[in-house]
Amino acid sequence: MRIRSARRRRNGQPHGAALERPEKLVRKCSPRVKEHITRLVVEVGIRAGAWREAATDAQLAFEWWKSAGREHRVTAASVYLAAIEREEKAANEYSDALEACWSAAP
């Protein structure tokens, strides 16, 4: 049987005790700036969703290409390559939107 003792932090507080947090820093910015940042964040979300969808399409196209019979293999390969290009374009657009959002901090 193991006997547990109360663990204490270096500062003398019991382990798991609530820590006091410093007051939250609040930056004031105009409603116009808030609206602009909100639009940028929404754009990042839209681009991320588009990238996920393009990646799913590419995965499905790859699976089709992998399992395609001889008569459909060339078509399946073309579809897969087109899906990869769309996925790459969507990834670049997501990256650009994310970069715009990061650089727009007030």
C-alpha atoms as a PDB file:
ATOM      1  CA  MET A   1       0.000   0.000   0.000  1.00  0.00           C
ATOM      2  CA  ARG A   2       1.263   3.400  -0.961  1.00  0.00           C
ATOM      3  CA  ILE A   3       0.885   6.335   1.368  1.00  0.00           C
ATOM      4  CA  ARG A   4       0.463   9.638  -0.357  1.00  0.00           C
ATOM      5  CA  SER A   5       1.535  12.848   1.210  1.00  0.00           C
ATOM      6  CA  ALA A   6       0.336  16.276   0.231  1.00  0.00           C
ATOM      7  CA  ARG A   7       2.612  17.574  -2.473  1.00  0.00           C
ATOM      8  CA  ARG A   8       3.602  21.186  -2.260  1.00  0.00           C
ATOM      9  CA  ARG A   9       5.024  23.460  -4.898  1.00  0.00           C
ATOM     10  CA  ARG A  10       8.222  25.372  -4.342  1.00  0.00           C
ATOM     11  CA  ASN A  11       6.235  28.436  -3.398  1.00  0.00           C
ATOM     12  CA  GLY A  12       4.514  26.552  -0.581  1.00  0.00           C
ATOM     13  CA  GLN A  13       1.155  26.234  -2.333  1.00  0.00           C
ATOM     14  CA  PRO A  14      -0.438  22.780  -2.491  1.00  0.00           C
ATOM     15  CA  HIS A  15      -0.072  21.030  -5.834  1.00  0.00           C
ATOM     16  CA  GLY A  16      -3.019  21.853  -8.070  1.00  0.00           C
ATOM     17  CA  ALA A  17      -3.899  25.049  -6.229  1.00  0.00           C
ATOM     18  CA  ALA A  18      -5.354  27.751  -8.411  1.00  0.00           C
ATOM     19  CA  LEU A  19      -2.715  30.115  -9.648  1.00  0.00           C
ATOM     20  CA  GLU A  20      -3.420  33.792  -9.816  1.00  0.00           C
ATOM     21  CA  ARG A  21      -3.116  35.036 -13.336  1.00  0.00           C
ATOM     22  CA  PRO A  22      -2.049  38.530 -14.203  1.00  0.00           C
ATOM     23  CA  GLU A  23      -4.768  40.761 -15.544  1.00  0.00           C
ATOM     24  CA  LYS A  24      -5.486  40.302 -19.202  1.00  0.00           C
ATOM     25  CA  LEU A  25      -3.845  42.842 -21.457  1.00  0.00           C
ATOM     26  CA  VAL A  26      -6.451  44.598 -23.527  1.00  0.00           C
ATOM     27  CA  ARG A  27      -5.514  46.390 -26.683  1.00  0.00           C
ATOM     28  CA  LYS A  28      -7.919  48.970 -27.889  1.00  0.00           C
ATOM     29  CA  CYS A  29      -8.635  49.007 -31.571  1.00  0.00           C
ATOM     30  CA  SER A  30     -11.273  50.549 -33.723  1.00  0.00           C
ATOM     31  CA  PRO A  31     -14.382  48.651 -34.847  1.00  0.00           C
ATOM     32  CA  ARG A  32     -13.068  48.904 -38.398  1.00  0.00           C
ATOM     33  CA  VAL A  33      -9.868  47.071 -37.434  1.00  0.00           C
ATOM     34  CA  LYS A  34     -11.863  44.409 -35.565  1.00  0.00           C
ATOM     35  CA  GLU A  35     -14.072  43.920 -38.613  1.00  0.00           C
ATOM     36  CA  HIS A  36     -11.035  43.589 -40.868  1.00  0.00           C
ATOM     37  CA  ILE A  37      -9.408  41.000 -38.587  1.00  0.00           C
ATOM     38  CA  THR A  38     -12.687  39.100 -38.320  1.00  0.00           C
ATOM     39  CA  ARG A  39     -12.890  38.950 -42.114  1.00  0.00           C
ATOM     40  CA  LEU A  40      -9.326  37.661 -42.272  1.00  0.00           C
ATOM     41  CA  VAL A  41     -10.028  34.945 -39.685  1.00  0.00           C
ATOM     42  CA  VAL A  42     -13.173  33.884 -41.533  1.00  0.00           C
ATOM     43  CA  GLU A  43     -11.171  33.752 -44.758  1.00  0.00           C
ATOM     44  CA  VAL A  44      -8.598  31.493 -43.086  1.00  0.00           C
ATOM     45  CA  GLY A  45     -11.412  29.168 -42.004  1.00  0.00           C
ATOM     46  CA  ILE A  46     -12.887  29.085 -45.493  1.00  0.00           C
ATOM     47  CA  ARG A  47      -9.500  28.376 -47.066  1.00  0.00           C
ATOM     48  CA  ALA A  48      -8.741  25.652 -44.515  1.00  0.00           C
ATOM     49  CA  GLY A  49     -12.043  23.965 -45.336  1.00  0.00           C
ATOM     50  CA  ALA A  50     -11.333  24.188 -49.057  1.00  0.00           C
ATOM     51  CA  TRP A  51      -7.911  22.631 -48.497  1.00  0.00           C
ATOM     52  CA  ARG A  52      -9.397  19.752 -46.489  1.00  0.00           C
ATOM     53  CA  GLU A  53     -11.966  19.105 -49.216  1.00  0.00           C
ATOM     54  CA  ALA A  54      -9.298  19.184 -51.925  1.00  0.00           C
ATOM     55  CA  ALA A  55      -7.132  16.806 -49.896  1.00  0.00           C
ATOM     56  CA  THR A  56     -10.080  14.417 -49.517  1.00  0.00           C
ATOM     57  CA  ASP A  57     -10.735  14.585 -53.258  1.00  0.00           C
ATOM     58  CA  ALA A  58      -7.069  13.817 -53.931  1.00  0.00           C
ATOM     59  CA  GLN A  59      -7.179  10.864 -51.550  1.00  0.00           C
ATOM     60  CA  LEU A  60     -10.288   9.462 -53.235  1.00  0.00           C
ATOM     61  CA  ALA A  61      -8.751   9.968 -56.680  1.00  0.00           C
ATOM     62  CA  PHE A  62      -5.608   8.158 -55.544  1.00  0.00           C
ATOM     63  CA  GLU A  63      -7.653   5.239 -54.213  1.00  0.00           C
ATOM     64  CA  TRP A  64      -9.510   5.042 -57.539  1.00  0.00           C
ATOM     65  CA  TRP A  65      -6.231   5.151 -59.471  1.00  0.00           C
ATOM     66  CA  LYS A  66      -4.769   2.422 -57.256  1.00  0.00           C
ATOM     67  CA  SER A  67      -7.731   0.118 -57.780  1.00  0.00           C
ATOM     68  CA  ALA A  68      -8.572   1.024 -61.392  1.00  0.00           C
ATOM     69  CA  GLY A  69      -8.614  -1.694 -63.961  1.00  0.00           C
ATOM     70  CA  ARG A  70      -6.391  -1.567 -66.989  1.00  0.00           C
ATOM     71  CA  GLU A  71      -9.037   0.142 -69.157  1.00  0.00           C
ATOM     72  CA  HIS A  72      -9.516   3.017 -66.630  1.00  0.00           C
ATOM     73  CA  ARG A  73      -5.960   3.438 -65.340  1.00  0.00           C
ATOM     74  CA  VAL A  74      -4.977   6.344 -67.643  1.00  0.00           C
ATOM     75  CA  THR A  75      -8.166   8.256 -66.866  1.00  0.00           C
ATOM     76  CA  ALA A  76      -7.789   7.609 -63.139  1.00  0.00           C
ATOM     77  CA  ALA A  77      -4.190   8.848 -63.243  1.00  0.00           C
ATOM     78  CA  SER A  78      -5.280  12.045 -64.997  1.00  0.00           C
ATOM     79  CA  VAL A  79      -8.014  12.621 -62.427  1.00  0.00           C
ATOM     80  CA  TYR A  80      -5.531  12.034 -59.606  1.00  0.00           C
ATOM     81  CA  LEU A  81      -2.977  14.476 -61.028  1.00  0.00           C
ATOM     82  CA  ALA A  82      -5.665  17.136 -61.475  1.00  0.00           C
ATOM     83  CA  ALA A  83      -6.820  16.566 -57.880  1.00  0.00           C
ATOM     84  CA  ILE A  84      -3.251  16.934 -56.613  1.00  0.00           C
ATOM     85  CA  GLU A  85      -2.916  20.235 -58.461  1.00  0.00           C
ATOM     86  CA  ARG A  86      -6.187  21.494 -56.943  1.00  0.00           C
ATOM     87  CA  GLU A  87      -5.019  20.414 -53.490  1.00  0.00           C
ATOM     88  CA  GLU A  88      -1.711  22.235 -53.940  1.00  0.00           C
ATOM     89  CA  LYS A  89      -3.513  25.392 -55.089  1.00  0.00           C
ATOM     90  CA  ALA A  90      -5.874  25.214 -52.105  1.00  0.00           C
ATOM     91  CA  ALA A  91      -2.925  24.707 -49.734  1.00  0.00           C
ATOM     92  CA  ASN A  92      -1.175  27.776 -51.155  1.00  0.00           C
ATOM     93  CA  GLU A  93      -4.339  29.875 -50.827  1.00  0.00           C
ATOM     94  CA  TYR A  94      -4.734  28.722 -47.215  1.00  0.00           C
ATOM     95  CA  SER A  95      -1.102  29.601 -46.513  1.00  0.00           C
ATOM     96  CA  ASP A  96      -1.533  33.060 -48.056  1.00  0.00           C
ATOM     97  CA  ALA A  97      -4.702  33.716 -46.027  1.00  0.00           C
ATOM     98  CA  LEU A  98      -2.972  32.585 -42.830  1.00  0.00           C
ATOM     99  CA  GLU A  99       0.008  34.815 -43.522  1.00  0.00           C
ATOM    100  CA  ALA A 100      -2.300  37.795 -44.160  1.00  0.00           C
ATOM    101  CA  CYS A 101      -4.083  37.108 -40.886  1.00  0.00           C
ATOM    102  CA  TRP A 102      -0.845  36.845 -38.886  1.00  0.00           C
ATOM    103  CA  SER A 103       0.582  40.026 -40.324  1.00  0.00           C
ATOM    104  CA  ALA A 104      -2.578  42.042 -39.616  1.00  0.00           C
ATOM    105  CA  ALA A 105      -2.366  41.925 -35.823  1.00  0.00           C
ATOM    106  CA  PRO A 106      -3.300  45.298 -34.324  1.00  0.00           C
END
